[in-house]
N, C-alpha and C. Protein backbone atom coordinates (compact mmCIF):
# COMPACT_ATOMS: atom_id res chain seq x y z
N MET A 1 79.32 -100.40 30.81
CA MET A 1 78.95 -99.27 31.69
C MET A 1 77.44 -99.03 31.57
N PRO A 2 76.81 -98.73 32.66
CA PRO A 2 75.34 -98.55 32.63
C PRO A 2 75.01 -97.33 31.74
N PHE A 3 73.81 -97.40 31.19
CA PHE A 3 73.32 -96.37 30.30
C PHE A 3 73.32 -94.98 30.96
N LEU A 4 72.90 -94.86 32.19
CA LEU A 4 72.84 -93.58 32.86
C LEU A 4 74.19 -92.97 33.03
N ALA A 5 75.20 -93.76 33.44
CA ALA A 5 76.54 -93.23 33.56
C ALA A 5 77.08 -92.74 32.21
N THR A 6 76.85 -93.49 31.16
CA THR A 6 77.30 -93.07 29.81
C THR A 6 76.58 -91.76 29.41
N THR A 7 75.29 -91.68 29.71
CA THR A 7 74.54 -90.47 29.37
C THR A 7 75.10 -89.29 30.11
N LEU A 8 75.39 -89.43 31.37
CA LEU A 8 75.99 -88.32 32.16
C LEU A 8 77.37 -87.93 31.60
N GLN A 9 78.12 -88.95 31.21
CA GLN A 9 79.46 -88.74 30.65
C GLN A 9 79.36 -87.87 29.42
N VAL A 10 78.42 -88.14 28.55
CA VAL A 10 78.25 -87.35 27.29
C VAL A 10 77.73 -85.98 27.60
N ILE A 11 76.78 -85.84 28.49
CA ILE A 11 76.20 -84.53 28.84
C ILE A 11 77.29 -83.65 29.43
N ILE A 12 78.08 -84.17 30.32
CA ILE A 12 79.19 -83.39 30.93
C ILE A 12 80.17 -82.93 29.84
N GLY A 13 80.60 -83.88 29.03
CA GLY A 13 81.57 -83.56 27.98
C GLY A 13 81.08 -82.54 26.97
N LEU A 14 79.87 -82.76 26.49
CA LEU A 14 79.32 -81.79 25.53
C LEU A 14 79.00 -80.46 26.17
N GLY A 15 78.56 -80.46 27.42
CA GLY A 15 78.27 -79.23 28.14
C GLY A 15 79.51 -78.34 28.26
N LEU A 16 80.60 -78.97 28.63
CA LEU A 16 81.86 -78.22 28.77
C LEU A 16 82.33 -77.66 27.43
N LEU A 17 82.28 -78.50 26.40
CA LEU A 17 82.70 -78.00 25.07
C LEU A 17 81.81 -76.84 24.60
N ASN A 18 80.53 -76.93 24.90
CA ASN A 18 79.59 -75.87 24.52
C ASN A 18 80.03 -74.55 25.17
N VAL A 19 80.27 -74.56 26.46
CA VAL A 19 80.62 -73.35 27.19
C VAL A 19 82.02 -72.83 26.75
N TRP A 20 83.00 -73.69 26.66
CA TRP A 20 84.34 -73.25 26.38
C TRP A 20 84.70 -73.01 24.94
N LEU A 21 84.00 -73.67 24.00
CA LEU A 21 84.32 -73.50 22.57
C LEU A 21 83.27 -72.74 21.80
N LEU A 22 82.01 -72.94 22.11
CA LEU A 22 80.93 -72.29 21.33
C LEU A 22 80.45 -71.02 21.98
N ARG A 23 80.41 -70.94 23.30
CA ARG A 23 79.79 -69.81 23.98
C ARG A 23 80.76 -68.93 24.78
N ALA A 24 82.01 -69.17 24.66
CA ALA A 24 83.00 -68.42 25.47
C ALA A 24 82.95 -66.92 25.27
N GLY A 25 82.64 -66.48 24.06
CA GLY A 25 82.57 -65.08 23.76
C GLY A 25 81.18 -64.47 23.84
N SER A 26 80.21 -65.26 24.23
CA SER A 26 78.80 -64.84 24.28
C SER A 26 78.39 -64.43 25.72
N PRO A 27 77.57 -63.43 25.83
CA PRO A 27 77.04 -63.08 27.15
C PRO A 27 76.20 -64.18 27.72
N SER A 28 76.09 -64.25 29.01
CA SER A 28 75.27 -65.24 29.70
C SER A 28 74.81 -64.67 31.01
N ALA A 29 73.59 -64.93 31.40
CA ALA A 29 73.08 -64.52 32.67
C ALA A 29 73.83 -65.08 33.84
N TYR A 30 74.64 -66.13 33.58
CA TYR A 30 75.36 -66.83 34.64
C TYR A 30 76.79 -66.40 34.81
N ARG A 31 77.28 -65.46 33.95
CA ARG A 31 78.66 -65.00 34.06
C ARG A 31 78.86 -64.26 35.37
N GLY A 32 80.02 -64.38 35.95
CA GLY A 32 80.35 -63.71 37.19
C GLY A 32 80.32 -62.19 37.05
N GLY A 33 79.80 -61.53 38.08
CA GLY A 33 79.78 -60.04 38.08
C GLY A 33 79.10 -59.52 36.87
N ASP A 34 79.70 -58.56 36.22
CA ASP A 34 79.13 -57.92 35.01
C ASP A 34 79.83 -58.43 33.74
N ALA A 35 80.55 -59.51 33.80
CA ALA A 35 81.31 -60.03 32.68
C ALA A 35 80.42 -60.43 31.53
N ARG A 36 80.82 -60.14 30.37
CA ARG A 36 80.07 -60.51 29.14
C ARG A 36 80.67 -61.72 28.42
N THR A 37 81.94 -62.01 28.68
CA THR A 37 82.56 -63.14 28.05
C THR A 37 83.22 -64.00 29.15
N LEU A 38 83.62 -65.20 28.80
CA LEU A 38 84.27 -66.09 29.73
C LEU A 38 85.61 -65.48 30.21
N LYS A 39 86.36 -64.89 29.31
CA LYS A 39 87.64 -64.34 29.69
C LYS A 39 87.40 -63.13 30.64
N GLU A 40 86.42 -62.28 30.39
CA GLU A 40 86.06 -61.17 31.28
C GLU A 40 85.69 -61.69 32.69
N GLU A 41 85.05 -62.86 32.69
CA GLU A 41 84.63 -63.46 33.95
C GLU A 41 85.86 -63.76 34.82
N PHE A 42 86.88 -64.25 34.24
CA PHE A 42 88.13 -64.59 35.00
C PHE A 42 88.73 -63.28 35.51
N GLU A 43 88.70 -62.22 34.70
CA GLU A 43 89.19 -60.91 35.10
C GLU A 43 88.35 -60.39 36.26
N MET A 44 87.04 -60.57 36.19
CA MET A 44 86.13 -60.11 37.25
C MET A 44 86.50 -60.77 38.59
N TYR A 45 86.94 -62.02 38.55
CA TYR A 45 87.28 -62.73 39.74
C TYR A 45 88.67 -62.33 40.27
N GLY A 46 89.38 -61.54 39.49
CA GLY A 46 90.73 -61.10 39.93
C GLY A 46 91.78 -62.18 39.71
N LEU A 47 91.52 -63.12 38.83
CA LEU A 47 92.44 -64.19 38.55
C LEU A 47 93.46 -63.75 37.47
N PRO A 48 94.71 -64.22 37.53
CA PRO A 48 95.67 -63.91 36.51
C PRO A 48 95.23 -64.46 35.18
N ASN A 49 95.63 -63.82 34.12
CA ASN A 49 95.24 -64.21 32.73
C ASN A 49 95.57 -65.69 32.46
N VAL A 50 96.67 -66.17 32.96
CA VAL A 50 97.09 -67.55 32.72
C VAL A 50 96.05 -68.55 33.26
N MET A 51 95.33 -68.17 34.31
CA MET A 51 94.32 -69.07 34.86
C MET A 51 93.22 -69.41 33.87
N PHE A 52 92.85 -68.42 33.05
CA PHE A 52 91.83 -68.62 32.01
C PHE A 52 92.28 -69.80 31.12
N TYR A 53 93.54 -69.76 30.71
CA TYR A 53 94.03 -70.79 29.81
C TYR A 53 94.25 -72.17 30.49
N ILE A 54 94.68 -72.14 31.77
CA ILE A 54 94.86 -73.40 32.51
C ILE A 54 93.52 -74.04 32.71
N VAL A 55 92.55 -73.29 33.20
CA VAL A 55 91.21 -73.86 33.48
C VAL A 55 90.59 -74.30 32.19
N GLY A 56 90.74 -73.51 31.10
CA GLY A 56 90.22 -73.91 29.78
C GLY A 56 90.78 -75.19 29.31
N ALA A 57 92.12 -75.35 29.42
CA ALA A 57 92.76 -76.54 28.99
C ALA A 57 92.29 -77.74 29.78
N LEU A 58 92.15 -77.55 31.09
CA LEU A 58 91.69 -78.67 31.95
C LEU A 58 90.27 -79.07 31.60
N LYS A 59 89.39 -78.10 31.39
CA LYS A 59 87.98 -78.40 31.12
C LYS A 59 87.85 -79.04 29.74
N ILE A 60 88.50 -78.47 28.73
CA ILE A 60 88.42 -79.02 27.38
C ILE A 60 89.06 -80.40 27.35
N GLY A 61 90.21 -80.54 27.97
CA GLY A 61 90.85 -81.83 28.03
C GLY A 61 89.94 -82.91 28.73
N ALA A 62 89.39 -82.53 29.85
CA ALA A 62 88.50 -83.47 30.58
C ALA A 62 87.32 -83.82 29.73
N SER A 63 86.75 -82.84 29.05
CA SER A 63 85.59 -83.16 28.19
C SER A 63 85.95 -84.10 27.08
N LEU A 64 87.11 -83.95 26.49
CA LEU A 64 87.53 -84.87 25.41
C LEU A 64 87.79 -86.28 25.98
N VAL A 65 88.36 -86.36 27.18
CA VAL A 65 88.56 -87.69 27.81
C VAL A 65 87.22 -88.34 28.05
N LEU A 66 86.24 -87.56 28.59
CA LEU A 66 84.93 -88.15 28.86
C LEU A 66 84.26 -88.62 27.58
N LEU A 67 84.29 -87.82 26.55
CA LEU A 67 83.64 -88.21 25.30
C LEU A 67 84.32 -89.41 24.64
N ALA A 68 85.65 -89.35 24.55
CA ALA A 68 86.39 -90.48 23.92
C ALA A 68 86.28 -91.72 24.81
N GLY A 69 86.15 -91.52 26.11
CA GLY A 69 86.02 -92.65 27.04
C GLY A 69 84.76 -93.46 26.88
N VAL A 70 83.82 -92.96 26.10
CA VAL A 70 82.63 -93.74 25.77
C VAL A 70 83.02 -94.92 24.86
N PHE A 71 84.06 -94.71 24.07
CA PHE A 71 84.44 -95.67 23.08
C PHE A 71 85.70 -96.48 23.41
N VAL A 72 86.60 -95.90 24.21
CA VAL A 72 87.86 -96.54 24.57
C VAL A 72 88.10 -96.41 26.03
N PRO A 73 88.85 -97.29 26.65
CA PRO A 73 89.10 -97.18 28.09
C PRO A 73 90.01 -95.96 28.35
N LEU A 74 89.54 -95.00 29.10
CA LEU A 74 90.29 -93.83 29.48
C LEU A 74 89.96 -93.50 30.96
N PRO A 75 90.78 -92.67 31.63
CA PRO A 75 90.51 -92.36 33.04
C PRO A 75 89.35 -91.37 33.17
N VAL A 76 88.14 -91.85 32.88
CA VAL A 76 87.00 -90.93 32.91
C VAL A 76 86.65 -90.48 34.29
N GLU A 77 86.87 -91.31 35.30
CA GLU A 77 86.57 -90.90 36.69
C GLU A 77 87.52 -89.75 37.09
N ALA A 78 88.76 -89.82 36.68
CA ALA A 78 89.67 -88.70 36.97
C ALA A 78 89.28 -87.43 36.24
N ALA A 79 88.81 -87.57 35.01
CA ALA A 79 88.36 -86.42 34.25
C ALA A 79 87.17 -85.76 34.94
N ALA A 80 86.21 -86.56 35.34
CA ALA A 80 85.00 -86.06 36.02
C ALA A 80 85.40 -85.45 37.38
N GLY A 81 86.29 -86.08 38.06
CA GLY A 81 86.78 -85.54 39.33
C GLY A 81 87.46 -84.19 39.17
N THR A 82 88.21 -84.04 38.11
CA THR A 82 88.88 -82.77 37.80
C THR A 82 87.80 -81.69 37.55
N VAL A 83 86.80 -82.01 36.77
CA VAL A 83 85.72 -81.06 36.50
C VAL A 83 85.00 -80.72 37.78
N ALA A 84 84.74 -81.73 38.63
CA ALA A 84 84.08 -81.44 39.92
C ALA A 84 84.88 -80.44 40.76
N ALA A 85 86.18 -80.63 40.82
CA ALA A 85 87.05 -79.74 41.58
C ALA A 85 87.01 -78.35 41.00
N LEU A 86 87.03 -78.24 39.67
CA LEU A 86 86.94 -76.91 39.02
C LEU A 86 85.57 -76.26 39.29
N MET A 87 84.54 -77.07 39.37
CA MET A 87 83.22 -76.51 39.65
C MET A 87 83.13 -75.95 41.08
N ILE A 88 83.80 -76.60 42.00
CA ILE A 88 83.89 -76.08 43.37
C ILE A 88 84.60 -74.72 43.33
N GLY A 89 85.67 -74.68 42.56
CA GLY A 89 86.39 -73.37 42.41
C GLY A 89 85.48 -72.32 41.79
N SER A 90 84.68 -72.70 40.81
CA SER A 90 83.78 -71.75 40.15
C SER A 90 82.75 -71.21 41.15
N ILE A 91 82.19 -72.10 41.94
CA ILE A 91 81.25 -71.65 42.94
C ILE A 91 81.88 -70.73 43.94
N ALA A 92 83.12 -71.03 44.35
CA ALA A 92 83.85 -70.16 45.27
C ALA A 92 84.10 -68.78 44.63
N MET A 93 84.33 -68.72 43.35
CA MET A 93 84.57 -67.42 42.69
C MET A 93 83.30 -66.58 42.66
N HIS A 94 82.15 -67.23 42.45
CA HIS A 94 80.88 -66.52 42.47
C HIS A 94 80.63 -65.97 43.86
N VAL A 95 80.97 -66.73 44.88
CA VAL A 95 80.80 -66.25 46.28
C VAL A 95 81.74 -65.09 46.50
N LYS A 96 83.01 -65.20 46.03
CA LYS A 96 84.00 -64.17 46.21
C LYS A 96 83.51 -62.79 45.71
N VAL A 97 82.88 -62.79 44.56
CA VAL A 97 82.44 -61.49 43.98
C VAL A 97 81.02 -61.16 44.38
N LYS A 98 80.49 -61.94 45.34
CA LYS A 98 79.14 -61.69 45.88
C LYS A 98 78.01 -61.74 44.82
N ASP A 99 78.16 -62.67 43.89
CA ASP A 99 77.09 -62.87 42.91
C ASP A 99 75.87 -63.43 43.56
N PRO A 100 74.69 -63.20 43.02
CA PRO A 100 73.50 -63.85 43.51
C PRO A 100 73.60 -65.37 43.26
N ALA A 101 73.00 -66.15 44.11
CA ALA A 101 73.11 -67.60 44.04
C ALA A 101 72.77 -68.16 42.68
N ILE A 102 71.84 -67.54 41.96
CA ILE A 102 71.37 -68.08 40.66
C ILE A 102 72.55 -68.19 39.68
N LYS A 103 73.55 -67.32 39.80
CA LYS A 103 74.70 -67.39 38.90
C LYS A 103 75.55 -68.61 39.08
N SER A 104 75.42 -69.26 40.24
CA SER A 104 76.18 -70.48 40.53
C SER A 104 75.42 -71.77 40.09
N VAL A 105 74.20 -71.64 39.67
CA VAL A 105 73.44 -72.82 39.36
C VAL A 105 74.10 -73.71 38.30
N PRO A 106 74.63 -73.19 37.17
CA PRO A 106 75.22 -74.14 36.19
C PRO A 106 76.45 -74.89 36.82
N ALA A 107 77.25 -74.23 37.65
CA ALA A 107 78.41 -74.89 38.30
C ALA A 107 77.90 -75.96 39.28
N VAL A 108 76.87 -75.66 40.02
CA VAL A 108 76.32 -76.63 40.96
C VAL A 108 75.74 -77.83 40.24
N ILE A 109 75.05 -77.59 39.14
CA ILE A 109 74.45 -78.71 38.35
C ILE A 109 75.61 -79.57 37.80
N MET A 110 76.60 -78.92 37.25
CA MET A 110 77.75 -79.70 36.69
C MET A 110 78.49 -80.50 37.79
N LEU A 111 78.61 -79.86 38.93
CA LEU A 111 79.23 -80.57 40.09
C LEU A 111 78.41 -81.83 40.45
N VAL A 112 77.12 -81.68 40.55
CA VAL A 112 76.24 -82.80 40.88
C VAL A 112 76.35 -83.89 39.81
N LEU A 113 76.35 -83.49 38.51
CA LEU A 113 76.43 -84.46 37.44
C LEU A 113 77.75 -85.25 37.55
N CYS A 114 78.84 -84.52 37.81
CA CYS A 114 80.14 -85.17 37.94
C CYS A 114 80.22 -86.17 39.08
N VAL A 115 79.66 -85.74 40.22
CA VAL A 115 79.65 -86.64 41.39
C VAL A 115 78.80 -87.88 41.09
N CYS A 116 77.64 -87.68 40.54
CA CYS A 116 76.77 -88.81 40.18
C CYS A 116 77.45 -89.72 39.21
N PHE A 117 78.13 -89.15 38.19
CA PHE A 117 78.83 -90.00 37.20
C PHE A 117 79.89 -90.83 37.89
N VAL A 118 80.70 -90.21 38.71
CA VAL A 118 81.78 -90.95 39.36
C VAL A 118 81.23 -92.10 40.23
N LEU A 119 80.14 -91.82 40.96
CA LEU A 119 79.55 -92.84 41.80
C LEU A 119 78.95 -93.97 40.94
N LEU A 120 78.25 -93.60 39.89
CA LEU A 120 77.69 -94.65 38.99
C LEU A 120 78.71 -95.43 38.31
N HIS A 121 79.77 -94.75 37.81
CA HIS A 121 80.86 -95.44 37.11
C HIS A 121 81.61 -96.39 38.03
N ALA A 122 81.88 -95.89 39.26
CA ALA A 122 82.58 -96.78 40.23
C ALA A 122 81.75 -97.97 40.59
N ARG A 123 80.44 -97.74 40.71
CA ARG A 123 79.53 -98.86 41.02
C ARG A 123 79.51 -99.88 39.89
N GLY A 124 79.45 -99.36 38.65
CA GLY A 124 79.47 -100.25 37.49
C GLY A 124 80.75 -101.03 37.39
N ALA A 125 81.90 -100.36 37.66
CA ALA A 125 83.18 -101.03 37.60
C ALA A 125 83.29 -102.08 38.70
N ALA A 126 82.74 -101.80 39.90
CA ALA A 126 82.79 -102.77 40.99
C ALA A 126 81.95 -104.01 40.65
N ALA A 127 80.85 -103.78 39.94
CA ALA A 127 79.97 -104.87 39.58
C ALA A 127 80.63 -105.80 38.59
N VAL A 128 81.48 -105.19 37.71
CA VAL A 128 82.16 -105.97 36.69
C VAL A 128 83.32 -106.73 37.31
N GLY A 129 84.08 -106.02 38.23
CA GLY A 129 85.28 -106.60 38.81
C GLY A 129 84.98 -107.48 39.94
């Protein structure tokens, strides 16, 4: 796999783990509405409590697949695609609560990284096959 694709894979994986495991309880300028924690952000969006756990499991699971996929063959494109879909949902939630555009920047960046990774990974796989 090309160096750039692997680099994106690691950045995406570590970025997700940072947000969901290390900074979930910390305030951020990018949290939706007036939320101070990740869980409050989901409440701000009017989502049921179970969605916090479903989205968290999907993002943490995808990040682990991406990171482990550097070393062993795993469905890393599917993991990045899952993250991309969740980022679209995140952007939609920011729009729903009428957040300023700046609050969507991390989700937009992660979406772009995921799309770039999938395209690079697919290109690398096509070159090999």
